Amino acid sequence: MNRFQIRGLKQDDFAEMVAEDVERALAHYDEAINKPTMVSVGKIAGSIASAVTLLSPKHQRAIDAIHADLPGLASKFVRALAAEAARRSEAGIAGATNPPTTLLADVEPPSLPKSDDLESMLIEDWAGRVAGSTYLEENLRIARSTLHRWQRRGEVIALRKGGRKHVFPLAQFVDGRPVAGIRDVLSLITNPRLAWLWLTRPSAQLDGLVPVDLLRQDQVDEVVEAARVFAPG
């Protein structure tokens, strides 16, 4: 079995199977949808489904990271398709086979919340797993004095959680140490909450990859340059 086969199915066969299922679902849901539209939508769904199976684990995780925004992005994509189809029809080029180069550009990734918005959001709702100094000392064997020294030097991201208490996102640690590059990112994106949000979301400057994942793989230079582009001001 090569990479163009999926559990015994060729990629084209898999796409066709998904397309047929989508057509049946549409017909059951809304009888008013005409057959050509159902066929077109089925082909789109099948093509996307088969393409997803060929994504690298990194790109799959990038999609997972924005799952809450996918319905909105899908709606934008469909509207962009409809607009492009109307444009081609009016221009008399409905039979053109080359995809429009600007179509996907109309579907922009969701923008990050502003710093003020982050201050009012619960950390657990956006930051992933976090822990206090007691947990880190008991489970990662990071002494409190070491943790505080890293914090003073800007080598670790600490998020304030009520009063003077801080918690630390666990994804920034590898083998009991913060990944290299955190200090560089914090020097560019000085708000810790905004810095961590940026680090944990797919970045357009990194081809949709998640910055902290790249830091965990020692790809510091690429992440720092992307942070420099993103940094406000």
Protein backbone atom coordinates (compact mmCIF):
# COMPACT_ATOMS: atom_id res chain seq x y z
CA MET A 1 0.00 0.00 0.00
CA ASN A 2 1.42 3.36 -0.99
CA ARG A 3 0.59 6.81 0.38
CA PHE A 4 -2.16 7.24 -2.22
CA GLN A 5 -4.13 4.40 -0.66
CA ILE A 6 -6.21 4.71 2.48
CA ARG A 7 -7.01 1.51 4.33
CA GLY A 8 -7.22 -0.43 1.10
CA LEU A 9 -8.85 2.37 -0.90
CA LYS A 10 -7.13 4.46 -3.49
CA GLN A 11 -7.31 8.17 -2.76
CA ASP A 12 -9.66 8.82 -5.70
CA ASP A 13 -11.95 6.01 -4.55
CA PHE A 14 -11.97 7.40 -1.02
CA ALA A 15 -12.89 10.87 -2.30
CA GLU A 16 -15.69 9.39 -4.41
CA MET A 17 -17.04 7.44 -1.44
CA VAL A 18 -17.15 10.60 0.71
CA ALA A 19 -18.77 12.53 -2.15
CA GLU A 20 -21.55 9.95 -2.48
CA ASP A 21 -22.22 10.02 1.26
CA VAL A 22 -22.44 13.82 1.23
CA GLU A 23 -24.81 13.78 -1.73
CA ARG A 24 -27.11 11.34 0.07
CA ALA A 25 -27.01 13.47 3.23
CA LEU A 26 -27.88 16.63 1.30
CA ALA A 27 -30.74 14.92 -0.52
CA HIS A 28 -32.13 13.69 2.79
CA TYR A 29 -31.71 17.08 4.48
CA ASP A 30 -33.10 19.36 1.77
CA GLU A 31 -34.98 18.06 -1.27
CA ALA A 32 -34.90 21.56 -2.78
CA ILE A 33 -31.16 21.36 -3.50
CA ASN A 34 -30.73 20.53 -7.17
CA LYS A 35 -28.74 17.52 -8.30
CA PRO A 36 -25.83 19.41 -9.98
CA THR A 37 -25.26 21.39 -6.77
CA MET A 38 -25.28 18.22 -4.67
CA VAL A 39 -22.74 16.62 -7.00
CA SER A 40 -20.49 19.69 -6.84
CA VAL A 41 -20.66 19.88 -3.05
CA GLY A 42 -19.96 16.17 -2.79
CA LYS A 43 -16.86 16.53 -4.96
CA ILE A 44 -15.61 19.39 -2.81
CA ALA A 45 -16.13 17.40 0.39
CA GLY A 46 -14.49 14.31 -1.08
CA SER A 47 -11.48 16.25 -2.31
CA ILE A 48 -10.99 17.91 1.08
CA ALA A 49 -11.38 14.63 2.97
CA SER A 50 -8.86 12.82 0.79
CA ALA A 51 -6.41 15.73 0.98
CA VAL A 52 -6.56 15.73 4.78
CA THR A 53 -5.35 12.12 4.88
CA LEU A 54 -2.12 13.21 3.18
CA LEU A 55 -1.32 16.00 5.62
CA SER A 56 1.69 15.64 7.85
CA PRO A 57 1.04 15.23 11.60
CA LYS A 58 2.17 18.85 12.08
CA HIS A 59 -0.43 20.19 9.69
CA GLN A 60 -3.10 17.93 11.17
CA ARG A 61 -2.36 19.41 14.60
CA ALA A 62 -2.57 22.87 13.08
CA ILE A 63 -6.11 22.12 11.93
CA ASP A 64 -6.99 20.68 15.33
CA ALA A 65 -5.83 23.89 16.97
CA ILE A 66 -8.43 25.98 15.15
CA HIS A 67 -11.31 23.51 15.30
CA ALA A 68 -13.58 26.06 17.01
CA ASP A 69 -13.17 28.42 14.05
CA LEU A 70 -13.71 25.81 11.33
CA PRO A 71 -17.47 26.38 10.84
CA GLY A 72 -16.87 30.08 10.19
CA LEU A 73 -13.97 29.39 7.86
CA ALA A 74 -16.03 26.81 5.98
CA SER A 75 -18.84 29.35 5.53
CA LYS A 76 -16.38 31.91 4.14
CA PHE A 77 -14.97 29.30 1.78
CA VAL A 78 -18.40 28.35 0.46
CA ARG A 79 -19.36 31.99 -0.03
CA ALA A 80 -16.08 32.56 -1.87
CA LEU A 81 -16.84 29.56 -4.10
CA ALA A 82 -20.31 30.87 -4.86
CA ALA A 83 -18.96 34.34 -5.67
CA GLU A 84 -16.30 32.89 -7.96
CA ALA A 85 -18.86 30.71 -9.73
CA ALA A 86 -21.10 33.72 -10.28
CA ARG A 87 -18.18 35.74 -11.61
CA ARG A 88 -17.23 33.01 -14.06
CA SER A 89 -20.81 32.60 -15.19
CA GLU A 90 -21.17 36.30 -15.89
CA ALA A 91 -17.85 36.31 -17.73
CA GLY A 92 -18.80 33.27 -19.76
CA ILE A 93 -15.95 31.12 -18.43
CA ALA A 94 -17.95 28.58 -16.42
CA GLY A 95 -16.05 25.76 -18.09
CA ALA A 96 -12.63 26.96 -17.00
CA THR A 97 -10.62 24.29 -15.23
CA ASN A 98 -7.92 26.31 -13.49
CA PRO A 99 -8.83 27.19 -9.90
CA PRO A 100 -8.91 30.90 -9.05
CA THR A 101 -5.71 32.03 -7.41
CA THR A 102 -7.51 34.46 -5.10
CA LEU A 103 -10.20 32.11 -3.81
CA LEU A 104 -8.46 30.84 -0.72
CA ALA A 105 -6.98 34.25 -0.04
CA ASP A 106 -10.53 35.41 0.73
CA VAL A 107 -10.71 32.88 3.57
CA GLU A 108 -8.51 34.54 6.15
CA PRO A 109 -7.41 32.78 9.34
CA PRO A 110 -9.13 34.02 12.50
CA SER A 111 -7.37 36.96 14.13
CA LEU A 112 -5.99 36.61 17.64
CA PRO A 113 -7.86 38.31 20.49
CA LYS A 114 -6.47 41.63 21.69
CA SER A 115 -4.45 41.85 24.91
CA ASP A 116 -7.34 43.46 26.75
CA ASP A 117 -9.66 40.62 25.73
CA LEU A 118 -7.21 38.01 27.01
CA GLU A 119 -7.15 39.61 30.44
CA SER A 120 -10.87 38.94 30.82
CA MET A 121 -10.73 35.34 29.59
CA LEU A 122 -10.23 32.31 31.83
CA ILE A 123 -6.77 30.86 31.31
CA GLU A 124 -8.19 27.35 31.04
CA ASP A 125 -10.28 28.40 28.05
CA TRP A 126 -7.36 29.29 25.79
CA ALA A 127 -3.94 28.46 27.25
CA GLY A 128 -4.07 24.67 27.39
CA ARG A 129 -2.72 22.78 30.40
CA VAL A 130 -1.15 25.01 33.03
CA ALA A 131 0.31 24.29 36.44
CA GLY A 132 1.65 26.10 39.49
CA SER A 133 5.09 25.90 41.03
CA THR A 134 4.10 23.07 43.40
CA TYR A 135 3.08 20.79 40.53
CA LEU A 136 6.21 21.62 38.56
CA GLU A 137 8.41 20.88 41.53
CA GLU A 138 6.72 17.58 42.33
CA ASN A 139 6.27 16.28 38.80
CA LEU A 140 8.94 17.91 36.63
CA ARG A 141 11.49 18.32 39.45
CA ILE A 142 11.83 22.04 38.80
CA ALA A 143 12.88 23.78 42.01
CA ARG A 144 10.92 26.89 42.91
CA SER A 145 14.09 28.95 43.01
CA THR A 146 14.99 27.80 39.50
CA LEU A 147 11.49 28.54 38.22
CA HIS A 148 11.56 32.03 39.71
CA ARG A 149 14.99 32.66 38.21
CA TRP A 150 13.72 31.64 34.76
CA GLN A 151 10.73 33.91 35.26
CA ARG A 152 12.89 36.92 36.17
CA ARG A 153 15.07 36.35 33.11
CA GLY A 154 12.08 35.98 30.80
CA GLU A 155 13.03 32.41 29.92
CA VAL A 156 9.63 31.00 30.81
CA ILE A 157 6.09 32.24 30.27
CA ALA A 158 4.17 32.85 33.50
CA LEU A 159 0.49 33.74 33.36
CA ARG A 160 -1.06 35.66 36.23
CA LYS A 161 -4.08 33.90 37.69
CA GLY A 162 -5.76 36.00 40.33
CA GLY A 163 -3.84 38.24 42.70
CA ARG A 164 -0.12 37.52 42.64
CA LYS A 165 -0.38 33.85 41.73
CA HIS A 166 1.18 32.66 38.46
CA VAL A 167 0.68 29.46 36.49
CA PHE A 168 2.95 28.09 33.79
CA PRO A 169 1.81 26.48 30.50
CA LEU A 170 3.15 22.92 30.46
CA ALA A 171 3.70 22.78 26.69
CA GLN A 172 6.70 25.11 27.02
CA PHE A 173 8.70 22.55 28.99
CA VAL A 174 10.82 19.74 27.56
CA ASP A 175 12.82 17.49 29.88
CA GLY A 176 12.18 19.79 32.81
CA ARG A 177 13.38 22.95 31.09
CA PRO A 178 11.67 25.70 29.07
CA VAL A 179 12.26 25.32 25.35
CA ALA A 180 14.85 27.58 23.75
CA GLY A 181 13.40 30.67 22.12
CA ILE A 182 10.86 31.65 24.77
CA ARG A 183 13.05 34.56 25.89
CA ASP A 184 13.42 35.81 22.32
CA VAL A 185 9.68 35.66 21.72
CA LEU A 186 8.93 37.50 24.97
CA SER A 187 11.36 40.23 24.00
CA LEU A 188 9.25 40.84 20.88
CA ILE A 189 5.74 40.09 22.20
CA THR A 190 6.05 41.49 25.70
CA ASN A 191 2.57 40.63 26.96
CA PRO A 192 2.90 37.05 28.31
CA ARG A 193 -0.72 36.18 27.54
CA LEU A 194 -0.51 37.42 23.97
CA ALA A 195 2.88 35.74 23.54
CA TRP A 196 1.53 32.36 24.68
CA LEU A 197 -1.60 32.70 22.58
CA TRP A 198 0.54 33.40 19.53
CA LEU A 199 2.86 30.51 20.34
CA THR A 200 0.00 28.03 20.51
CA ARG A 201 -1.95 29.02 17.39
CA PRO A 202 -1.13 28.26 13.74
CA SER A 203 0.98 31.07 12.30
CA ALA A 204 0.60 32.36 8.75
CA GLN A 205 4.30 33.26 8.81
CA LEU A 206 5.13 29.61 9.53
CA ASP A 207 2.91 28.06 6.84
CA GLY A 208 0.16 27.30 9.33
CA LEU A 209 2.40 25.50 11.81
CA VAL A 210 2.21 26.10 15.57
CA PRO A 211 5.22 28.09 16.85
CA VAL A 212 5.64 26.27 20.16
CA ASP A 213 5.72 22.93 18.31
CA LEU A 214 8.62 24.25 16.26
CA LEU A 215 10.42 25.49 19.38
CA ARG A 216 10.09 22.00 20.83
CA GLN A 217 11.93 20.81 17.71
CA ASP A 218 14.71 23.41 18.15
CA GLN A 219 13.60 25.49 15.15
CA VAL A 220 14.16 28.71 17.08
CA ASP A 221 15.30 31.03 14.28
CA GLU A 222 12.16 30.48 12.20
CA VAL A 223 9.88 31.15 15.17
CA VAL A 224 11.75 34.28 16.24
CA GLU A 225 11.53 35.75 12.75
CA ALA A 226 7.81 35.01 12.63
CA ALA A 227 7.35 36.64 16.04
CA ARG A 228 9.21 39.69 14.78
CA VAL A 229 6.71 40.02 11.92
CA PHE A 230 3.75 39.51 14.24
CA ALA A 231 4.93 41.72 17.11
CA PRO A 232 2.79 44.84 17.53
CA GLY A 233 4.46 48.12 16.71
